[in-house]
Amino acid sequence: MTDLQKFTIEERVRWGDVDAAGIIFYGSYIRFFEIAETELFRAAGLPYGVVFDELNIWLPRVHLECDFHRAAQLDDLLEVSVWVGKIGTTSLRLNFEVRRKDRDNKIEEKLIATAHFVLVATRRDNLRPVPVPEELRRALEPYTG
C-alpha cells in the first residue's frame, strides 16, 4: 500500500443549502459528499460511467453516518476530503471530513463534519453483491488508508 492521499474538493454553502437562519441544512452535506466521491473516482481514473459500464457493477450505498461538529453558514467555503477507509470483499468504506476555509483562504483545524459511507459492489441485473473488481481496488489504492 502506498502513502494515503485524501482527495479534496472545495464547495461553497449556497442559498439552497441553508435554512431560514442561514445555517446549513444537514441534508446538504450529502450533496457535498457525493460530489467529492464522484470526483475521487474520476481522479482515480475510473469515473462512474466506466465503473458502471465497463466493470458492469453498481455501487449502491448501504450505510451513511455523519457527525456534525460545528454549523456551516451561508457563503462559507468548505473543503471536503474523502478517502477509502477500507475495501472488503464486496464493499468499500469512504470516509469524509469537512473543514471551513477562513477569509485568508486558510483551512481551519476544527472539523465541521465527519462522515462515512459504505458502498457495496453489486451485479447490475439483480443487485446481488459481487467481489469488488481488482481494477477498482488498484485504482483506489493511493486513496486507501
N, C-alpha and C. Protein backbone atom coordinates (compact mmCIF):
# COMPACT_ATOMS: atom_id res chain seq x y z
N MET A 1 0.85 -1.18 0.00
CA MET A 1 0.00 0.00 0.00
C MET A 1 0.89 1.24 0.00
N THR A 2 0.50 2.24 -0.77
CA THR A 2 1.23 3.50 -0.84
C THR A 2 0.78 4.43 0.27
N ASP A 3 1.43 5.59 0.37
CA ASP A 3 1.01 6.59 1.35
C ASP A 3 -0.40 7.07 1.00
N LEU A 4 -1.20 7.22 2.03
CA LEU A 4 -2.59 7.63 1.85
C LEU A 4 -2.68 9.05 1.31
N GLN A 5 -3.49 9.21 0.29
CA GLN A 5 -3.83 10.53 -0.22
C GLN A 5 -5.31 10.76 0.08
N LYS A 6 -5.63 11.95 0.55
CA LYS A 6 -7.03 12.34 0.67
C LYS A 6 -7.35 13.16 -0.56
N PHE A 7 -8.48 12.88 -1.18
CA PHE A 7 -8.92 13.67 -2.32
C PHE A 7 -9.82 14.77 -1.78
N THR A 8 -9.59 15.99 -2.24
CA THR A 8 -10.30 17.14 -1.67
C THR A 8 -10.94 18.00 -2.74
N ILE A 9 -12.15 18.44 -2.45
CA ILE A 9 -12.84 19.42 -3.28
C ILE A 9 -13.16 20.62 -2.42
N GLU A 10 -13.46 21.74 -3.05
CA GLU A 10 -13.98 22.91 -2.35
C GLU A 10 -15.39 23.15 -2.85
N GLU A 11 -16.26 23.48 -1.92
CA GLU A 11 -17.65 23.75 -2.29
C GLU A 11 -18.18 24.85 -1.39
N ARG A 12 -18.86 25.79 -1.98
CA ARG A 12 -19.43 26.92 -1.25
C ARG A 12 -20.83 26.55 -0.75
N VAL A 13 -21.16 26.97 0.47
CA VAL A 13 -22.51 26.80 1.00
C VAL A 13 -23.40 27.82 0.29
N ARG A 14 -24.36 27.33 -0.45
CA ARG A 14 -25.22 28.18 -1.28
C ARG A 14 -26.58 28.41 -0.60
N TRP A 15 -27.34 29.33 -1.17
CA TRP A 15 -28.65 29.69 -0.63
C TRP A 15 -29.53 28.45 -0.46
N GLY A 16 -29.53 27.56 -1.43
CA GLY A 16 -30.36 26.36 -1.35
C GLY A 16 -29.90 25.35 -0.32
N ASP A 17 -28.71 25.56 0.27
CA ASP A 17 -28.17 24.64 1.26
C ASP A 17 -28.54 25.01 2.69
N VAL A 18 -29.12 26.20 2.90
CA VAL A 18 -29.32 26.69 4.26
C VAL A 18 -30.80 26.80 4.62
N ASP A 19 -31.03 26.88 5.93
CA ASP A 19 -32.39 27.09 6.42
C ASP A 19 -32.63 28.59 6.62
N ALA A 20 -33.75 28.95 7.21
CA ALA A 20 -34.11 30.36 7.37
C ALA A 20 -33.12 31.13 8.23
N ALA A 21 -32.38 30.43 9.09
CA ALA A 21 -31.39 31.08 9.95
C ALA A 21 -30.04 31.24 9.26
N GLY A 22 -29.94 30.76 8.00
CA GLY A 22 -28.68 30.87 7.27
C GLY A 22 -27.68 29.79 7.65
N ILE A 23 -28.14 28.77 8.37
CA ILE A 23 -27.27 27.66 8.79
C ILE A 23 -27.52 26.49 7.87
N ILE A 24 -26.47 25.78 7.52
CA ILE A 24 -26.58 24.68 6.56
C ILE A 24 -27.58 23.62 7.05
N PHE A 25 -28.40 23.18 6.13
CA PHE A 25 -29.34 22.08 6.34
C PHE A 25 -28.54 20.78 6.29
N TYR A 26 -28.75 19.89 7.23
CA TYR A 26 -27.92 18.68 7.32
C TYR A 26 -27.92 17.86 6.04
N GLY A 27 -29.01 17.82 5.31
CA GLY A 27 -29.08 17.05 4.08
C GLY A 27 -28.16 17.58 2.98
N SER A 28 -27.78 18.84 3.08
CA SER A 28 -26.88 19.42 2.07
C SER A 28 -25.51 18.76 2.08
N TYR A 29 -25.11 18.25 3.24
CA TYR A 29 -23.81 17.58 3.31
C TYR A 29 -23.75 16.38 2.37
N ILE A 30 -24.86 15.69 2.21
CA ILE A 30 -24.88 14.52 1.34
C ILE A 30 -24.49 14.91 -0.08
N ARG A 31 -24.97 16.06 -0.53
CA ARG A 31 -24.59 16.54 -1.87
C ARG A 31 -23.09 16.80 -1.93
N PHE A 32 -22.53 17.43 -0.90
CA PHE A 32 -21.09 17.68 -0.87
C PHE A 32 -20.31 16.37 -0.89
N PHE A 33 -20.76 15.39 -0.12
CA PHE A 33 -20.08 14.10 -0.10
C PHE A 33 -20.16 13.41 -1.45
N GLU A 34 -21.32 13.51 -2.09
CA GLU A 34 -21.50 12.87 -3.41
C GLU A 34 -20.58 13.51 -4.44
N ILE A 35 -20.42 14.81 -4.41
CA ILE A 35 -19.51 15.48 -5.34
C ILE A 35 -18.08 15.02 -5.09
N ALA A 36 -17.66 14.97 -3.83
CA ALA A 36 -16.31 14.53 -3.50
C ALA A 36 -16.09 13.08 -3.93
N GLU A 37 -17.07 12.23 -3.69
CA GLU A 37 -16.98 10.82 -4.07
C GLU A 37 -16.85 10.67 -5.58
N THR A 38 -17.69 11.37 -6.32
CA THR A 38 -17.66 11.28 -7.78
C THR A 38 -16.31 11.75 -8.32
N GLU A 39 -15.79 12.83 -7.77
CA GLU A 39 -14.51 13.36 -8.25
C GLU A 39 -13.33 12.49 -7.81
N LEU A 40 -13.45 11.81 -6.67
CA LEU A 40 -12.43 10.84 -6.25
C LEU A 40 -12.31 9.74 -7.30
N PHE A 41 -13.42 9.16 -7.70
CA PHE A 41 -13.40 8.09 -8.69
C PHE A 41 -12.83 8.60 -10.02
N ARG A 42 -13.19 9.81 -10.40
CA ARG A 42 -12.65 10.40 -11.63
C ARG A 42 -11.13 10.57 -11.51
N ALA A 43 -10.65 11.08 -10.37
CA ALA A 43 -9.21 11.27 -10.15
C ALA A 43 -8.46 9.95 -10.16
N ALA A 44 -9.13 8.90 -9.71
CA ALA A 44 -8.51 7.57 -9.69
C ALA A 44 -8.50 6.92 -11.07
N GLY A 45 -9.09 7.60 -12.06
CA GLY A 45 -9.10 7.07 -13.43
C GLY A 45 -10.28 6.18 -13.74
N LEU A 46 -11.23 6.11 -12.82
CA LEU A 46 -12.42 5.29 -13.05
C LEU A 46 -13.68 6.09 -12.76
N PRO A 47 -14.01 7.04 -13.65
CA PRO A 47 -15.27 7.76 -13.44
C PRO A 47 -16.43 6.76 -13.44
N TYR A 48 -17.52 7.15 -12.81
CA TYR A 48 -18.62 6.21 -12.63
C TYR A 48 -19.13 5.61 -13.93
N GLY A 49 -19.10 6.34 -15.03
CA GLY A 49 -19.52 5.76 -16.30
C GLY A 49 -18.70 4.53 -16.64
N VAL A 50 -17.41 4.58 -16.37
CA VAL A 50 -16.53 3.42 -16.62
C VAL A 50 -16.82 2.31 -15.62
N VAL A 51 -16.94 2.67 -14.35
CA VAL A 51 -17.22 1.66 -13.32
C VAL A 51 -18.49 0.91 -13.68
N PHE A 52 -19.53 1.64 -14.01
CA PHE A 52 -20.82 1.01 -14.26
C PHE A 52 -20.83 0.23 -15.58
N ASP A 53 -20.34 0.85 -16.64
CA ASP A 53 -20.44 0.23 -17.96
C ASP A 53 -19.36 -0.80 -18.24
N GLU A 54 -18.10 -0.50 -17.90
CA GLU A 54 -17.01 -1.42 -18.22
C GLU A 54 -16.80 -2.49 -17.15
N LEU A 55 -16.95 -2.13 -15.89
CA LEU A 55 -16.81 -3.13 -14.84
C LEU A 55 -18.13 -3.85 -14.57
N ASN A 56 -19.20 -3.32 -15.14
CA ASN A 56 -20.53 -3.93 -15.09
C ASN A 56 -21.04 -4.15 -13.66
N ILE A 57 -20.84 -3.14 -12.82
CA ILE A 57 -21.34 -3.21 -11.45
C ILE A 57 -22.06 -1.90 -11.10
N TRP A 58 -22.86 -1.97 -10.05
CA TRP A 58 -23.39 -0.78 -9.39
C TRP A 58 -22.68 -0.68 -8.05
N LEU A 59 -22.71 0.49 -7.45
CA LEU A 59 -22.14 0.70 -6.12
C LEU A 59 -23.16 1.41 -5.22
N PRO A 60 -24.27 0.74 -4.90
CA PRO A 60 -25.26 1.40 -4.04
C PRO A 60 -24.72 1.62 -2.63
N ARG A 61 -25.18 2.70 -2.02
CA ARG A 61 -24.81 2.98 -0.63
C ARG A 61 -25.75 2.19 0.26
N VAL A 62 -25.17 1.50 1.24
CA VAL A 62 -25.99 0.72 2.16
C VAL A 62 -25.93 1.29 3.58
N HIS A 63 -25.02 2.25 3.80
CA HIS A 63 -24.90 2.85 5.12
C HIS A 63 -24.35 4.26 4.98
N LEU A 64 -24.88 5.17 5.76
CA LEU A 64 -24.40 6.55 5.82
C LEU A 64 -24.43 6.98 7.27
N GLU A 65 -23.32 7.52 7.74
CA GLU A 65 -23.25 8.01 9.10
C GLU A 65 -22.54 9.36 9.07
N CYS A 66 -23.07 10.34 9.79
CA CYS A 66 -22.49 11.67 9.78
C CYS A 66 -22.58 12.29 11.16
N ASP A 67 -21.48 12.91 11.57
CA ASP A 67 -21.44 13.66 12.82
C ASP A 67 -21.22 15.12 12.48
N PHE A 68 -22.01 15.99 13.10
CA PHE A 68 -21.91 17.42 12.87
C PHE A 68 -21.24 18.05 14.08
N HIS A 69 -20.08 18.66 13.85
CA HIS A 69 -19.28 19.20 14.94
C HIS A 69 -19.53 20.70 15.15
N ARG A 70 -19.72 21.42 14.05
CA ARG A 70 -19.98 22.87 14.09
C ARG A 70 -20.88 23.19 12.90
N ALA A 71 -21.58 24.29 12.98
CA ALA A 71 -22.50 24.67 11.90
C ALA A 71 -21.78 25.47 10.82
N ALA A 72 -21.97 25.07 9.59
CA ALA A 72 -21.53 25.88 8.45
C ALA A 72 -22.66 26.85 8.13
N GLN A 73 -22.29 27.99 7.53
CA GLN A 73 -23.29 29.01 7.24
C GLN A 73 -23.22 29.44 5.78
N LEU A 74 -24.24 30.18 5.38
CA LEU A 74 -24.33 30.69 4.02
C LEU A 74 -23.01 31.35 3.61
N ASP A 75 -22.54 31.01 2.43
CA ASP A 75 -21.33 31.55 1.80
C ASP A 75 -20.02 31.01 2.36
N ASP A 76 -20.06 30.14 3.37
CA ASP A 76 -18.82 29.51 3.83
C ASP A 76 -18.22 28.70 2.68
N LEU A 77 -16.90 28.74 2.58
CA LEU A 77 -16.18 27.89 1.63
C LEU A 77 -15.71 26.67 2.40
N LEU A 78 -16.19 25.51 1.99
CA LEU A 78 -15.87 24.27 2.69
C LEU A 78 -14.90 23.43 1.88
N GLU A 79 -14.01 22.78 2.60
CA GLU A 79 -13.12 21.81 1.99
C GLU A 79 -13.60 20.44 2.41
N VAL A 80 -13.95 19.61 1.44
CA VAL A 80 -14.48 18.28 1.70
C VAL A 80 -13.43 17.28 1.24
N SER A 81 -12.90 16.50 2.18
CA SER A 81 -11.90 15.49 1.86
C SER A 81 -12.53 14.10 1.95
N VAL A 82 -12.08 13.22 1.06
CA VAL A 82 -12.59 11.85 1.04
C VAL A 82 -11.41 10.91 0.82
N TRP A 83 -11.49 9.76 1.44
CA TRP A 83 -10.52 8.70 1.21
C TRP A 83 -11.20 7.37 1.51
N VAL A 84 -10.58 6.29 1.05
CA VAL A 84 -11.14 4.95 1.25
C VAL A 84 -10.62 4.42 2.58
N GLY A 85 -11.53 4.19 3.51
CA GLY A 85 -11.14 3.66 4.81
C GLY A 85 -10.79 2.20 4.75
N LYS A 86 -11.53 1.46 3.91
CA LYS A 86 -11.31 0.02 3.82
C LYS A 86 -11.99 -0.50 2.57
N ILE A 87 -11.37 -1.49 1.95
CA ILE A 87 -12.02 -2.23 0.88
C ILE A 87 -12.13 -3.68 1.35
N GLY A 88 -13.35 -4.14 1.49
CA GLY A 88 -13.59 -5.52 1.91
C GLY A 88 -13.77 -6.42 0.70
N THR A 89 -14.39 -7.53 0.91
CA THR A 89 -14.62 -8.48 -0.18
C THR A 89 -15.60 -7.91 -1.20
N THR A 90 -16.74 -7.41 -0.72
CA THR A 90 -17.78 -6.91 -1.63
C THR A 90 -18.12 -5.44 -1.38
N SER A 91 -17.48 -4.82 -0.39
CA SER A 91 -17.86 -3.45 -0.05
C SER A 91 -16.64 -2.57 0.14
N LEU A 92 -16.88 -1.27 0.15
CA LEU A 92 -15.84 -0.32 0.48
C LEU A 92 -16.44 0.78 1.32
N ARG A 93 -15.57 1.32 2.19
CA ARG A 93 -15.98 2.41 3.08
C ARG A 93 -15.26 3.67 2.67
N LEU A 94 -16.04 4.74 2.44
CA LEU A 94 -15.48 6.05 2.13
C LEU A 94 -15.61 6.93 3.37
N ASN A 95 -14.52 7.56 3.76
CA ASN A 95 -14.50 8.47 4.90
C ASN A 95 -14.45 9.91 4.40
N PHE A 96 -15.13 10.80 5.11
CA PHE A 96 -15.21 12.20 4.73
C PHE A 96 -14.89 13.10 5.92
N GLU A 97 -14.24 14.22 5.63
CA GLU A 97 -14.03 15.29 6.60
C GLU A 97 -14.39 16.60 5.93
N VAL A 98 -15.04 17.47 6.68
CA VAL A 98 -15.40 18.79 6.17
C VAL A 98 -14.78 19.84 7.09
N ARG A 99 -14.06 20.76 6.48
CA ARG A 99 -13.48 21.89 7.20
C ARG A 99 -13.83 23.17 6.46
N ARG A 100 -13.83 24.27 7.19
CA ARG A 100 -14.10 25.58 6.60
C ARG A 100 -12.78 26.26 6.27
N LYS A 101 -12.79 27.05 5.18
CA LYS A 101 -11.67 27.91 4.86
C LYS A 101 -12.00 29.31 5.36
N ASP A 102 -11.04 29.95 6.01
CA ASP A 102 -11.32 31.28 6.54
C ASP A 102 -11.15 32.34 5.45
N ARG A 103 -11.29 33.59 5.83
CA ARG A 103 -11.23 34.68 4.84
C ARG A 103 -9.87 34.81 4.18
N ASP A 104 -8.84 34.29 4.84
CA ASP A 104 -7.49 34.31 4.27
C ASP A 104 -7.21 33.04 3.47
N ASN A 105 -8.25 32.24 3.23
CA ASN A 105 -8.16 31.01 2.45
C ASN A 105 -7.35 29.93 3.17
N LYS A 106 -7.27 30.03 4.50
CA LYS A 106 -6.59 29.01 5.30
C LYS A 106 -7.63 28.04 5.85
N ILE A 107 -7.26 26.77 5.89
CA ILE A 107 -8.17 25.75 6.38
C ILE A 107 -8.18 25.77 7.91
N GLU A 108 -9.37 25.87 8.46
CA GLU A 108 -9.50 25.84 9.91
C GLU A 108 -9.24 24.42 10.41
N GLU A 109 -8.59 24.30 11.56
CA GLU A 109 -8.28 22.99 12.14
C GLU A 109 -9.54 22.25 12.57
N LYS A 110 -10.46 22.98 13.18
CA LYS A 110 -11.66 22.34 13.73
C LYS A 110 -12.54 21.80 12.62
N LEU A 111 -13.01 20.59 12.81
CA LEU A 111 -13.88 19.95 11.84
C LEU A 111 -15.29 20.53 11.90
N ILE A 112 -15.90 20.63 10.72
CA ILE A 112 -17.31 20.99 10.62
C ILE A 112 -18.15 19.71 10.72
N ALA A 113 -17.74 18.68 9.98
CA ALA A 113 -18.47 17.41 9.97
C ALA A 113 -17.53 16.28 9.59
N THR A 114 -17.87 15.08 10.02
CA THR A 114 -17.20 13.86 9.59
C THR A 114 -18.29 12.87 9.20
N ALA A 115 -17.97 12.00 8.26
CA ALA A 115 -18.97 11.04 7.81
C ALA A 115 -18.29 9.83 7.19
N HIS A 116 -19.07 8.79 7.00
CA HIS A 116 -18.62 7.69 6.16
C HIS A 116 -19.82 7.03 5.49
N PHE A 117 -19.53 6.52 4.30
CA PHE A 117 -20.50 5.76 3.51
C PHE A 117 -19.96 4.34 3.38
N VAL A 118 -20.84 3.37 3.27
CA VAL A 118 -20.46 2.02 2.88
C VAL A 118 -21.17 1.75 1.56
N LEU A 119 -20.38 1.39 0.54
CA LEU A 119 -20.89 1.06 -0.78
C LEU A 119 -20.67 -0.43 -1.02
N VAL A 120 -21.61 -1.08 -1.66
CA VAL A 120 -21.49 -2.50 -1.96
C VAL A 120 -21.45 -2.68 -3.47
N ALA A 121 -20.48 -3.45 -3.94
CA ALA A 121 -20.42 -3.81 -5.36
C ALA A 121 -21.50 -4.85 -5.64
N THR A 122 -22.35 -4.55 -6.62
CA THR A 122 -23.43 -5.48 -6.94
C THR A 122 -23.50 -5.72 -8.44
N ARG A 123 -24.08 -6.84 -8.79
CA ARG A 123 -24.39 -7.10 -10.19
C ARG A 123 -25.45 -6.09 -10.63
N ARG A 124 -25.38 -5.69 -11.86
CA ARG A 124 -26.34 -4.70 -12.34
C ARG A 124 -27.72 -5.31 -12.58
N ASP A 125 -27.79 -6.57 -12.92
CA ASP A 125 -29.09 -7.16 -13.28
C ASP A 125 -29.94 -7.55 -12.08
N ASN A 126 -29.30 -7.90 -10.94
CA ASN A 126 -30.10 -8.36 -9.80
C ASN A 126 -29.69 -7.74 -8.45
N LEU A 127 -28.72 -6.84 -8.47
CA LEU A 127 -28.24 -6.14 -7.27
C LEU A 127 -27.69 -7.08 -6.19
N ARG A 128 -27.26 -8.27 -6.59
CA ARG A 128 -26.62 -9.17 -5.62
C ARG A 128 -25.16 -8.79 -5.48
N PRO A 129 -24.62 -8.85 -4.26
CA PRO A 129 -23.21 -8.48 -4.04
C PRO A 129 -22.25 -9.35 -4.85
N VAL A 130 -21.20 -8.70 -5.33
CA VAL A 130 -20.11 -9.38 -6.05
C VAL A 130 -18.79 -8.85 -5.48
N PRO A 131 -17.69 -9.57 -5.68
CA PRO A 131 -16.41 -9.05 -5.21
C PRO A 131 -16.07 -7.71 -5.86
N VAL A 132 -15.46 -6.82 -5.08
CA VAL A 132 -15.00 -5.55 -5.62
C VAL A 132 -13.97 -5.87 -6.69
N PRO A 133 -14.16 -5.37 -7.92
CA PRO A 133 -13.23 -5.69 -9.00
C PRO A 133 -11.79 -5.25 -8.68
N GLU A 134 -10.84 -6.10 -9.08
CA GLU A 134 -9.43 -5.81 -8.83
C GLU A 134 -9.02 -4.48 -9.45
N GLU A 135 -9.55 -4.15 -10.62
CA GLU A 135 -9.22 -2.88 -11.28
C GLU A 135 -9.62 -1.69 -10.39
N LEU A 136 -10.75 -1.79 -9.73
CA LEU A 136 -11.20 -0.73 -8.83
C LEU A 136 -10.32 -0.66 -7.59
N ARG A 137 -9.96 -1.81 -7.04
CA ARG A 137 -9.06 -1.84 -5.88
C ARG A 137 -7.73 -1.14 -6.21
N ARG A 138 -7.16 -1.49 -7.36
CA ARG A 138 -5.87 -0.89 -7.77
C ARG A 138 -6.00 0.61 -7.96
N ALA A 139 -7.07 1.04 -8.61
CA ALA A 139 -7.26 2.47 -8.89
C ALA A 139 -7.40 3.29 -7.61
N LEU A 140 -8.06 2.71 -6.60
CA LEU A 140 -8.31 3.44 -5.35
C LEU A 140 -7.18 3.28 -4.34
N GLU A 141 -6.19 2.46 -4.63
CA GLU A 141 -5.12 2.17 -3.67
C GLU A 141 -4.43 3.43 -3.11
N PRO A 142 -4.10 4.44 -3.95
CA PRO A 142 -3.45 5.62 -3.38
C PRO A 142 -4.33 6.38 -2.37
N TYR A 143 -5.63 6.17 -2.44
CA TYR A 143 -6.58 6.86 -1.57
C TYR A 143 -7.10 5.97 -0.44
N THR A 144 -6.44 4.82 -0.25
CA THR A 144 -6.87 3.85 0.75
C THR A 144 -5.93 3.88 1.95
N GLY A 145 -6.53 4.00 3.13
CA GLY A 145 -5.71 4.06 4.34
C GLY A 145 -6.14 3.07 5.38
